[in-house]
Amino acid sequence: MKLQIKIDEDSGKIVDACFKTFGCGSAIASSSVATEWVKGKSMDEVLTIKNTEIAKHLSLPPVKLHCSMLAEDAIKAAVKDAEAKRGKMNGNSKAADA
């Protein structure tokens, strides 16, 4: 499960999100909910989204809870990736200014 986010540089809000998931319907649905829920929120706000909220929203049975965990992990990974890229961009621009 991969989640990509697009962040508005001025506001710091997530303006778009997309996912790629290979798996069952519950995994795909969890990914879809995650992309909808992150839009319009800051990176700090989306880190508060928990797999239990996704599972409850989708009424996932206990045997499918791991699908919602994958979605939560994908959100965290997307934020980490975005922060790393932002750091590299800021680091490169500082080096160019020197």
PDB file of N, CA and C in Angstrom:
ATOM      1  N   MET A   1       0.850  -1.165   0.000  1.00  0.00           N
ATOM      2  CA  MET A   1       0.000   0.000   0.000  1.00  0.00           C
ATOM      3  C   MET A   1       0.899   1.232   0.000  1.00  0.00           C
ATOM      4  N   LYS A   2       0.727   2.072  -1.009  1.00  0.00           N
ATOM      5  CA  LYS A   2       1.489   3.313  -1.103  1.00  0.00           C
ATOM      6  C   LYS A   2       0.519   4.475  -1.168  1.00  0.00           C
ATOM      7  N   LEU A   3       0.864   5.541  -0.473  1.00  0.00           N
ATOM      8  CA  LEU A   3       0.049   6.744  -0.443  1.00  0.00           C
ATOM      9  C   LEU A   3       0.943   7.917  -0.791  1.00  0.00           C
ATOM     10  N   GLN A   4       0.508   8.722  -1.742  1.00  0.00           N
ATOM     11  CA  GLN A   4       1.252   9.922  -2.120  1.00  0.00           C
ATOM     12  C   GLN A   4       0.412  11.134  -1.767  1.00  0.00           C
ATOM     13  N   ILE A   5       1.078  12.156  -1.223  1.00  0.00           N
ATOM     14  CA  ILE A   5       0.370  13.382  -0.869  1.00  0.00           C
ATOM     15  C   ILE A   5       1.025  14.572  -1.557  1.00  0.00           C
ATOM     16  N   LYS A   6       0.190  15.546  -1.912  1.00  0.00           N
ATOM     17  CA  LYS A   6       0.666  16.797  -2.497  1.00  0.00           C
ATOM     18  C   LYS A   6       0.359  17.894  -1.489  1.00  0.00           C
ATOM     19  N   ILE A   7       1.384  18.667  -1.143  1.00  0.00           N
ATOM     20  CA  ILE A   7       1.250  19.671  -0.092  1.00  0.00           C
ATOM     21  C   ILE A   7       1.392  21.063  -0.677  1.00  0.00           C
ATOM     22  N   ASP A   8       0.469  21.944  -0.295  1.00  0.00           N
ATOM     23  CA  ASP A   8       0.545  23.356  -0.675  1.00  0.00           C
ATOM     24  C   ASP A   8       1.688  23.977   0.122  1.00  0.00           C
ATOM     25  N   GLU A   9       2.664  24.528  -0.572  1.00  0.00           N
ATOM     26  CA  GLU A   9       3.842  25.091   0.089  1.00  0.00           C
ATOM     27  C   GLU A   9       3.488  26.273   0.990  1.00  0.00           C
ATOM     28  N   ASP A  10       2.482  27.054   0.604  1.00  0.00           N
ATOM     29  CA  ASP A  10       2.127  28.241   1.384  1.00  0.00           C
ATOM     30  C   ASP A  10       1.388  27.888   2.669  1.00  0.00           C
ATOM     31  N   SER A  11       0.374  27.048   2.553  1.00  0.00           N
ATOM     32  CA  SER A  11      -0.461  26.729   3.719  1.00  0.00           C
ATOM     33  C   SER A  11       0.037  25.519   4.504  1.00  0.00           C
ATOM     34  N   GLY A  12       0.822  24.662   3.857  1.00  0.00           N
ATOM     35  CA  GLY A  12       1.268  23.438   4.514  1.00  0.00           C
ATOM     36  C   GLY A  12       0.190  22.368   4.584  1.00  0.00           C
ATOM     37  N   LYS A  13      -0.925  22.607   3.909  1.00  0.00           N
ATOM     38  CA  LYS A  13      -2.041  21.656   3.918  1.00  0.00           C
ATOM     39  C   LYS A  13      -1.901  20.674   2.756  1.00  0.00           C
ATOM     40  N   ILE A  14      -2.439  19.498   2.962  1.00  0.00           N
ATOM     41  CA  ILE A  14      -2.445  18.486   1.910  1.00  0.00           C
ATOM     42  C   ILE A  14      -3.582  18.817   0.952  1.00  0.00           C
ATOM     43  N   VAL A  15      -3.246  19.042  -0.301  1.00  0.00           N
ATOM     44  CA  VAL A  15      -4.253  19.439  -1.285  1.00  0.00           C
ATOM     45  C   VAL A  15      -4.719  18.275  -2.150  1.00  0.00           C
ATOM     46  N   ASP A  16      -3.930  17.211  -2.201  1.00  0.00           N
ATOM     47  CA  ASP A  16      -4.341  16.050  -2.987  1.00  0.00           C
ATOM     48  C   ASP A  16      -3.628  14.812  -2.449  1.00  0.00           C
ATOM     49  N   ALA A  17      -4.240  13.671  -2.707  1.00  0.00           N
ATOM     50  CA  ALA A  17      -3.654  12.404  -2.278  1.00  0.00           C
ATOM     51  C   ALA A  17      -4.107  11.311  -3.233  1.00  0.00           C
ATOM     52  N   CYS A  18      -3.232  10.341  -3.441  1.00  0.00           N
ATOM     53  CA  CYS A  18      -3.597   9.190  -4.264  1.00  0.00           C
ATOM     54  C   CYS A  18      -2.928   7.954  -3.671  1.00  0.00           C
ATOM     55  N   PHE A  19      -3.412   6.803  -4.067  1.00  0.00           N
ATOM     56  CA  PHE A  19      -2.878   5.567  -3.504  1.00  0.00           C
ATOM     57  C   PHE A  19      -2.731   4.501  -4.567  1.00  0.00           C
ATOM     58  N   LYS A  20      -1.875   3.528  -4.235  1.00  0.00           N
ATOM     59  CA  LYS A  20      -1.728   2.317  -5.042  1.00  0.00           C
ATOM     60  C   LYS A  20      -1.748   1.153  -4.062  1.00  0.00           C
ATOM     61  N   THR A  21      -2.723   0.291  -4.232  1.00  0.00           N
ATOM     62  CA  THR A  21      -2.879  -0.839  -3.320  1.00  0.00           C
ATOM     63  C   THR A  21      -3.144  -2.108  -4.111  1.00  0.00           C
ATOM     64  N   PHE A  22      -2.428  -3.150  -3.767  1.00  0.00           N
ATOM     65  CA  PHE A  22      -2.701  -4.477  -4.297  1.00  0.00           C
ATOM     66  C   PHE A  22      -3.199  -5.302  -3.128  1.00  0.00           C
ATOM     67  N   GLY A  23      -4.444  -5.719  -3.189  1.00  0.00           N
ATOM     68  CA  GLY A  23      -4.983  -6.495  -2.085  1.00  0.00           C
ATOM     69  C   GLY A  23      -6.482  -6.642  -2.194  1.00  0.00           C
ATOM     70  N   CYS A  24      -7.060  -7.007  -1.078  1.00  0.00           N
ATOM     71  CA  CYS A  24      -8.501  -7.258  -1.033  1.00  0.00           C
ATOM     72  C   CYS A  24      -9.281  -5.944  -1.036  1.00  0.00           C
ATOM     73  N   GLY A  25     -10.583  -6.075  -1.124  1.00  0.00           N
ATOM     74  CA  GLY A  25     -11.459  -4.908  -1.133  1.00  0.00           C
ATOM     75  C   GLY A  25     -11.325  -4.063   0.117  1.00  0.00           C
ATOM     76  N   SER A  26     -11.098  -4.700   1.256  1.00  0.00           N
ATOM     77  CA  SER A  26     -10.946  -3.958   2.513  1.00  0.00           C
ATOM     78  C   SER A  26      -9.681  -3.103   2.503  1.00  0.00           C
ATOM     79  N   ALA A  27      -8.622  -3.611   1.905  1.00  0.00           N
ATOM     80  CA  ALA A  27      -7.380  -2.845   1.808  1.00  0.00           C
ATOM     81  C   ALA A  27      -7.561  -1.656   0.873  1.00  0.00           C
ATOM     82  N   ILE A  28      -8.229  -1.873  -0.236  1.00  0.00           N
ATOM     83  CA  ILE A  28      -8.475  -0.796  -1.191  1.00  0.00           C
ATOM     84  C   ILE A  28      -9.388   0.258  -0.575  1.00  0.00           C
ATOM     85  N   ALA A  29     -10.433  -0.178   0.117  1.00  0.00           N
ATOM     86  CA  ALA A  29     -11.354   0.759   0.766  1.00  0.00           C
ATOM     87  C   ALA A  29     -10.639   1.557   1.853  1.00  0.00           C
ATOM     88  N   SER A  30      -9.776   0.912   2.617  1.00  0.00           N
ATOM     89  CA  SER A  30      -9.023   1.608   3.665  1.00  0.00           C
ATOM     90  C   SER A  30      -8.112   2.673   3.058  1.00  0.00           C
ATOM     91  N   SER A  31      -7.479   2.350   1.943  1.00  0.00           N
ATOM     92  CA  SER A  31      -6.626   3.312   1.244  1.00  0.00           C
ATOM     93  C   SER A  31      -7.439   4.487   0.733  1.00  0.00           C
ATOM     94  N   SER A  32      -8.597   4.194   0.182  1.00  0.00           N
ATOM     95  CA  SER A  32      -9.457   5.238  -0.358  1.00  0.00           C
ATOM     96  C   SER A  32      -9.922   6.194   0.738  1.00  0.00           C
ATOM     97  N   VAL A  33     -10.343   5.645   1.863  1.00  0.00           N
ATOM     98  CA  VAL A  33     -10.764   6.484   2.993  1.00  0.00           C
ATOM     99  C   VAL A  33      -9.596   7.343   3.468  1.00  0.00           C
ATOM    100  N   ALA A  34      -8.419   6.757   3.546  1.00  0.00           N
ATOM    101  CA  ALA A  34      -7.242   7.507   3.988  1.00  0.00           C
ATOM    102  C   ALA A  34      -6.987   8.705   3.080  1.00  0.00           C
ATOM    103  N   THR A  35      -7.079   8.513   1.766  1.00  0.00           N
ATOM    104  CA  THR A  35      -6.828   9.632   0.851  1.00  0.00           C
ATOM    105  C   THR A  35      -7.871  10.730   1.020  1.00  0.00           C
ATOM    106  N   GLU A  36      -9.107  10.356   1.241  1.00  0.00           N
ATOM    107  CA  GLU A  36     -10.154  11.362   1.422  1.00  0.00           C
ATOM    108  C   GLU A  36      -9.981  12.114   2.736  1.00  0.00           C
ATOM    109  N   TRP A  37      -9.603  11.409   3.778  1.00  0.00           N
ATOM    110  CA  TRP A  37      -9.483  12.028   5.096  1.00  0.00           C
ATOM    111  C   TRP A  37      -8.272  12.943   5.234  1.00  0.00           C
ATOM    112  N   VAL A  38      -7.217  12.726   4.463  1.00  0.00           N
ATOM    113  CA  VAL A  38      -6.028  13.569   4.606  1.00  0.00           C
ATOM    114  C   VAL A  38      -6.148  14.888   3.851  1.00  0.00           C
ATOM    115  N   LYS A  39      -6.999  14.940   2.855  1.00  0.00           N
ATOM    116  CA  LYS A  39      -7.121  16.157   2.048  1.00  0.00           C
ATOM    117  C   LYS A  39      -7.621  17.321   2.897  1.00  0.00           C
ATOM    118  N   GLY A  40      -6.932  18.459   2.752  1.00  0.00           N
ATOM    119  CA  GLY A  40      -7.320  19.663   3.469  1.00  0.00           C
ATOM    120  C   GLY A  40      -6.752  19.763   4.875  1.00  0.00           C
ATOM    121  N   LYS A  41      -5.969  18.782   5.286  1.00  0.00           N
ATOM    122  CA  LYS A  41      -5.406  18.782   6.638  1.00  0.00           C
ATOM    123  C   LYS A  41      -3.899  19.002   6.588  1.00  0.00           C
ATOM    124  N   SER A  42      -3.358  19.453   7.715  1.00  0.00           N
ATOM    125  CA  SER A  42      -1.906  19.599   7.829  1.00  0.00           C
ATOM    126  C   SER A  42      -1.288  18.226   8.087  1.00  0.00           C
ATOM    127  N   MET A  43       0.021  18.155   7.949  1.00  0.00           N
ATOM    128  CA  MET A  43       0.691  16.875   8.181  1.00  0.00           C
ATOM    129  C   MET A  43       0.565  16.452   9.644  1.00  0.00           C
ATOM    130  N   ASP A  44       0.582  17.404  10.558  1.00  0.00           N
ATOM    131  CA  ASP A  44       0.401  17.059  11.974  1.00  0.00           C
ATOM    132  C   ASP A  44      -0.994  16.503  12.227  1.00  0.00           C
ATOM    133  N   GLU A  45      -1.989  17.092  11.572  1.00  0.00           N
ATOM    134  CA  GLU A  45      -3.374  16.633  11.759  1.00  0.00           C
ATOM    135  C   GLU A  45      -3.570  15.207  11.257  1.00  0.00           C
ATOM    136  N   VAL A  46      -2.981  14.881  10.120  1.00  0.00           N
ATOM    137  CA  VAL A  46      -3.210  13.540   9.562  1.00  0.00           C
ATOM    138  C   VAL A  46      -2.525  12.453  10.377  1.00  0.00           C
ATOM    139  N   LEU A  47      -1.511  12.824  11.128  1.00  0.00           N
ATOM    140  CA  LEU A  47      -0.846  11.828  11.971  1.00  0.00           C
ATOM    141  C   LEU A  47      -1.726  11.386  13.132  1.00  0.00           C
ATOM    142  N   THR A  48      -2.825  12.097  13.366  1.00  0.00           N
ATOM    143  CA  THR A  48      -3.754  11.699  14.432  1.00  0.00           C
ATOM    144  C   THR A  48      -4.795  10.700  13.941  1.00  0.00           C
ATOM    145  N   ILE A  49      -4.838  10.444  12.630  1.00  0.00           N
ATOM    146  CA  ILE A  49      -5.784   9.463  12.085  1.00  0.00           C
ATOM    147  C   ILE A  49      -5.325   8.070  12.504  1.00  0.00           C
ATOM    148  N   LYS A  50      -6.206   7.340  13.131  1.00  0.00           N
ATOM    149  CA  LYS A  50      -5.876   6.007  13.639  1.00  0.00           C
ATOM    150  C   LYS A  50      -6.601   4.925  12.849  1.00  0.00           C
ATOM    151  N   ASN A  51      -6.002   3.763  12.802  1.00  0.00           N
ATOM    152  CA  ASN A  51      -6.590   2.651  12.058  1.00  0.00           C
ATOM    153  C   ASN A  51      -7.964   2.273  12.615  1.00  0.00           C
ATOM    154  N   THR A  52      -8.165   2.461  13.903  1.00  0.00           N
ATOM    155  CA  THR A  52      -9.463   2.111  14.496  1.00  0.00           C
ATOM    156  C   THR A  52     -10.583   2.988  13.946  1.00  0.00           C
ATOM    157  N   GLU A  53     -10.263   4.256  13.644  1.00  0.00           N
ATOM    158  CA  GLU A  53     -11.259   5.157  13.056  1.00  0.00           C
ATOM    159  C   GLU A  53     -11.626   4.705  11.646  1.00  0.00           C
ATOM    160  N   ILE A  54     -10.615   4.305  10.885  1.00  0.00           N
ATOM    161  CA  ILE A  54     -10.853   3.820   9.525  1.00  0.00           C
ATOM    162  C   ILE A  54     -11.682   2.541   9.570  1.00  0.00           C
ATOM    163  N   ALA A  55     -11.297   1.622  10.447  1.00  0.00           N
ATOM    164  CA  ALA A  55     -12.011   0.345  10.569  1.00  0.00           C
ATOM    165  C   ALA A  55     -13.466   0.561  10.982  1.00  0.00           C
ATOM    166  N   LYS A  56     -13.686   1.476  11.906  1.00  0.00           N
ATOM    167  CA  LYS A  56     -15.055   1.757  12.355  1.00  0.00           C
ATOM    168  C   LYS A  56     -15.875   2.375  11.223  1.00  0.00           C
ATOM    169  N   HIS A  57     -15.264   3.322  10.505  1.00  0.00           N
ATOM    170  CA  HIS A  57     -15.955   3.983   9.393  1.00  0.00           C
ATOM    171  C   HIS A  57     -16.391   2.976   8.327  1.00  0.00           C
ATOM    172  N   LEU A  58     -15.540   1.997   8.070  1.00  0.00           N
ATOM    173  CA  LEU A  58     -15.820   0.995   7.035  1.00  0.00           C
ATOM    174  C   LEU A  58     -16.531  -0.244   7.577  1.00  0.00           C
ATOM    175  N   SER A  59     -16.719  -0.298   8.884  1.00  0.00           N
ATOM    176  CA  SER A  59     -17.318  -1.478   9.537  1.00  0.00           C
ATOM    177  C   SER A  59     -16.551  -2.753   9.181  1.00  0.00           C
ATOM    178  N   LEU A  60     -15.232  -2.665   9.284  1.00  0.00           N
ATOM    179  CA  LEU A  60     -14.396  -3.822   8.955  1.00  0.00           C
ATOM    180  C   LEU A  60     -14.533  -4.898  10.029  1.00  0.00           C
ATOM    181  N   PRO A  61     -14.607  -6.152   9.620  1.00  0.00           N
ATOM    182  CA  PRO A  61     -14.633  -7.243  10.610  1.00  0.00           C
ATOM    183  C   PRO A  61     -13.242  -7.401  11.232  1.00  0.00           C
ATOM    184  N   PRO A  62     -13.165  -8.033  12.399  1.00  0.00           N
ATOM    185  CA  PRO A  62     -11.865  -8.189  13.076  1.00  0.00           C
ATOM    186  C   PRO A  62     -10.770  -8.813  12.208  1.00  0.00           C
ATOM    187  N   VAL A  63     -11.129  -9.737  11.321  1.00  0.00           N
ATOM    188  CA  VAL A  63     -10.106 -10.383  10.486  1.00  0.00           C
ATOM    189  C   VAL A  63      -9.540  -9.442   9.421  1.00  0.00           C
ATOM    190  N   LYS A  64     -10.148  -8.276   9.238  1.00  0.00           N
ATOM    191  CA  LYS A  64      -9.675  -7.315   8.237  1.00  0.00           C
ATOM    192  C   LYS A  64      -9.067  -6.060   8.864  1.00  0.00           C
ATOM    193  N   LEU A  65      -8.870  -6.056  10.183  1.00  0.00           N
ATOM    194  CA  LEU A  65      -8.309  -4.876  10.845  1.00  0.00           C
ATOM    195  C   LEU A  65      -6.911  -4.538  10.345  1.00  0.00           C
ATOM    196  N   HIS A  66      -6.166  -5.554   9.906  1.00  0.00           N
ATOM    197  CA  HIS A  66      -4.818  -5.294   9.399  1.00  0.00           C
ATOM    198  C   HIS A  66      -4.843  -4.367   8.179  1.00  0.00           C
ATOM    199  N   CYS A  67      -5.936  -4.365   7.438  1.00  0.00           N
ATOM    200  CA  CYS A  67      -6.047  -3.483   6.271  1.00  0.00           C
ATOM    201  C   CYS A  67      -6.050  -2.019   6.704  1.00  0.00           C
ATOM    202  N   SER A  68      -6.769  -1.725   7.785  1.00  0.00           N
ATOM    203  CA  SER A  68      -6.791  -0.353   8.284  1.00  0.00           C
ATOM    204  C   SER A  68      -5.439   0.023   8.892  1.00  0.00           C
ATOM    205  N   MET A  69      -4.721  -0.946   9.447  1.00  0.00           N
ATOM    206  CA  MET A  69      -3.378  -0.682   9.972  1.00  0.00           C
ATOM    207  C   MET A  69      -2.422  -0.321   8.843  1.00  0.00           C
ATOM    208  N   LEU A  70      -2.573  -0.992   7.713  1.00  0.00           N
ATOM    209  CA  LEU A  70      -1.741  -0.665   6.550  1.00  0.00           C
ATOM    210  C   LEU A  70      -1.999   0.765   6.088  1.00  0.00           C
ATOM    211  N   ALA A  71      -3.253   1.195   6.134  1.00  0.00           N
ATOM    212  CA  ALA A  71      -3.594   2.559   5.725  1.00  0.00           C
ATOM    213  C   ALA A  71      -2.972   3.576   6.677  1.00  0.00           C
ATOM    214  N   GLU A  72      -3.054   3.316   7.977  1.00  0.00           N
ATOM    215  CA  GLU A  72      -2.430   4.225   8.951  1.00  0.00           C
ATOM    216  C   GLU A  72      -0.921   4.289   8.725  1.00  0.00           C
ATOM    217  N   ASP A  73      -0.301   3.148   8.501  1.00  0.00           N
ATOM    218  CA  ASP A  73       1.141   3.111   8.237  1.00  0.00           C
ATOM    219  C   ASP A  73       1.487   3.863   6.952  1.00  0.00           C
ATOM    220  N   ALA A  74       0.630   3.764   5.941  1.00  0.00           N
ATOM    221  CA  ALA A  74       0.867   4.460   4.675  1.00  0.00           C
ATOM    222  C   ALA A  74       0.796   5.973   4.869  1.00  0.00           C
ATOM    223  N   ILE A  75      -0.128   6.437   5.702  1.00  0.00           N
ATOM    224  CA  ILE A  75      -0.223   7.873   5.998  1.00  0.00           C
ATOM    225  C   ILE A  75       1.075   8.342   6.656  1.00  0.00           C
ATOM    226  N   LYS A  76       1.529   7.608   7.656  1.00  0.00           N
ATOM    227  CA  LYS A  76       2.761   7.975   8.362  1.00  0.00           C
ATOM    228  C   LYS A  76       3.959   7.986   7.413  1.00  0.00           C
ATOM    229  N   ALA A  77       4.032   6.996   6.530  1.00  0.00           N
ATOM    230  CA  ALA A  77       5.143   6.923   5.577  1.00  0.00           C
ATOM    231  C   ALA A  77       5.101   8.084   4.587  1.00  0.00           C
ATOM    232  N   ALA A  78       3.904   8.462   4.140  1.00  0.00           N
ATOM    233  CA  ALA A  78       3.770   9.573   3.195  1.00  0.00           C
ATOM    234  C   ALA A  78       4.204  10.883   3.844  1.00  0.00           C
ATOM    235  N   VAL A  79       3.831  11.090   5.096  1.00  0.00           N
ATOM    236  CA  VAL A  79       4.235  12.301   5.817  1.00  0.00           C
ATOM    237  C   VAL A  79       5.752  12.321   6.006  1.00  0.00           C
ATOM    238  N   LYS A  80       6.307  11.197   6.395  1.00  0.00           N
ATOM    239  CA  LYS A  80       7.761  11.101   6.587  1.00  0.00           C
ATOM    240  C   LYS A  80       8.498  11.404   5.282  1.00  0.00           C
ATOM    241  N   ASP A  81       8.002  10.855   4.182  1.00  0.00           N
ATOM    242  CA  ASP A  81       8.606  11.089   2.872  1.00  0.00           C
ATOM    243  C   ASP A  81       8.511  12.562   2.482  1.00  0.00           C
ATOM    244  N   ALA A  82       7.344  13.164   2.703  1.00  0.00           N
ATOM    245  CA  ALA A  82       7.152  14.575   2.358  1.00  0.00           C
ATOM    246  C   ALA A  82       8.074  15.469   3.183  1.00  0.00           C
ATOM    247  N   GLU A  83       8.214  15.158   4.463  1.00  0.00           N
ATOM    248  CA  GLU A  83       9.105  15.945   5.319  1.00  0.00           C
ATOM    249  C   GLU A  83      10.561  15.789   4.889  1.00  0.00           C
ATOM    250  N   ALA A  84      10.947  14.585   4.493  1.00  0.00           N
ATOM    251  CA  ALA A  84      12.316  14.354   4.030  1.00  0.00           C
ATOM    252  C   ALA A  84      12.584  15.129   2.744  1.00  0.00           C
ATOM    253  N   LYS A  85      11.624  15.113   1.833  1.00  0.00           N
ATOM    254  CA  LYS A  85      11.793  15.850   0.576  1.00  0.00           C
ATOM    255  C   LYS A  85      11.833  17.348   0.819  1.00  0.00           C
ATOM    256  N   ARG A  86      11.002  17.827   1.743  1.00  0.00           N
ATOM    257  CA  ARG A  86      10.992  19.253   2.068  1.00  0.00           C
ATOM    258  C   ARG A  86      12.336  19.655   2.666  1.00  0.00           C
ATOM    259  N   GLY A  87      12.889  18.799   3.518  1.00  0.00           N
ATOM    260  CA  GLY A  87      14.189  19.066   4.123  1.00  0.00           C
ATOM    261  C   GLY A  87      15.300  19.117   3.091  1.00  0.00           C
ATOM    262  N   LYS A  88      15.255  18.210   2.120  1.00  0.00           N
ATOM    263  CA  LYS A  88      16.259  18.201   1.050  1.00  0.00           C
ATOM    264  C   LYS A  88      16.148  19.456   0.202  1.00  0.00           C
ATOM    265  N   MET A  89      14.903  19.868  -0.096  1.00  0.00           N
ATOM    266  CA  MET A  89      14.708  21.071  -0.910  1.00  0.00           C
ATOM    267  C   MET A  89      15.208  22.301  -0.162  1.00  0.00           C
ATOM    268  N   ASN A  90      14.917  22.397   1.114  1.00  0.00           N
ATOM    269  CA  ASN A  90      15.379  23.532   1.910  1.00  0.00           C
ATOM    270  C   ASN A  90      16.890  23.502   2.065  1.00  0.00           C
ATOM    271  N   GLY A  91      17.450  22.323   2.235  1.00  0.00           N
ATOM    272  CA  GLY A  91      18.898  22.185   2.352  1.00  0.00           C
ATOM    273  C   GLY A  91      19.604  22.565   1.070  1.00  0.00           C
ATOM    274  N   ASN A  92      19.056  22.163  -0.073  1.00  0.00           N
ATOM    275  CA  ASN A  92      19.657  22.485  -1.365  1.00  0.00           C
ATOM    276  C   ASN A  92      19.580  23.969  -1.655  1.00  0.00           C
ATOM    277  N   SER A  93      18.466  24.617  -1.293  1.00  0.00           N
ATOM    278  CA  SER A  93      18.341  26.041  -1.575  1.00  0.00           C
ATOM    279  C   SER A  93      19.294  26.839  -0.692  1.00  0.00           C
ATOM    280  N   LYS A  94      19.549  26.370   0.540  1.00  0.00           N
ATOM    281  CA  LYS A  94      20.492  27.056   1.415  1.00  0.00           C
ATOM    282  C   LYS A  94      21.906  26.919   0.876  1.00  0.00           C
ATOM    283  N   ALA A  95      22.229  25.762   0.338  1.00  0.00           N
ATOM    284  CA  ALA A  95      23.559  25.550  -0.228  1.00  0.00           C
ATOM    285  C   ALA A  95      23.765  26.434  -1.452  1.00  0.00           C
ATOM    286  N   ALA A  96      22.722  26.632  -2.224  1.00  0.00           N
ATOM    287  CA  ALA A  96      22.823  27.462  -3.421  1.00  0.00           C
ATOM    288  C   ALA A  96      22.988  28.930  -3.053  1.00  0.00           C
ATOM    289  N   ASP A  97      22.411  29.332  -1.907  1.00  0.00           N
ATOM    290  CA  ASP A  97      22.510  30.724  -1.481  1.00  0.00           C
ATOM    291  C   ASP A  97      23.900  31.060  -0.947  1.00  0.00           C
ATOM    292  N   ALA A  98      24.637  30.066  -0.474  1.00  0.00           N
ATOM    293  CA  ALA A  98      25.933  30.317   0.175  1.00  0.00           C
ATOM    294  C   ALA A  98      27.006  30.693  -0.795  1.00  0.00           C
TER     295      ALA A  98
END
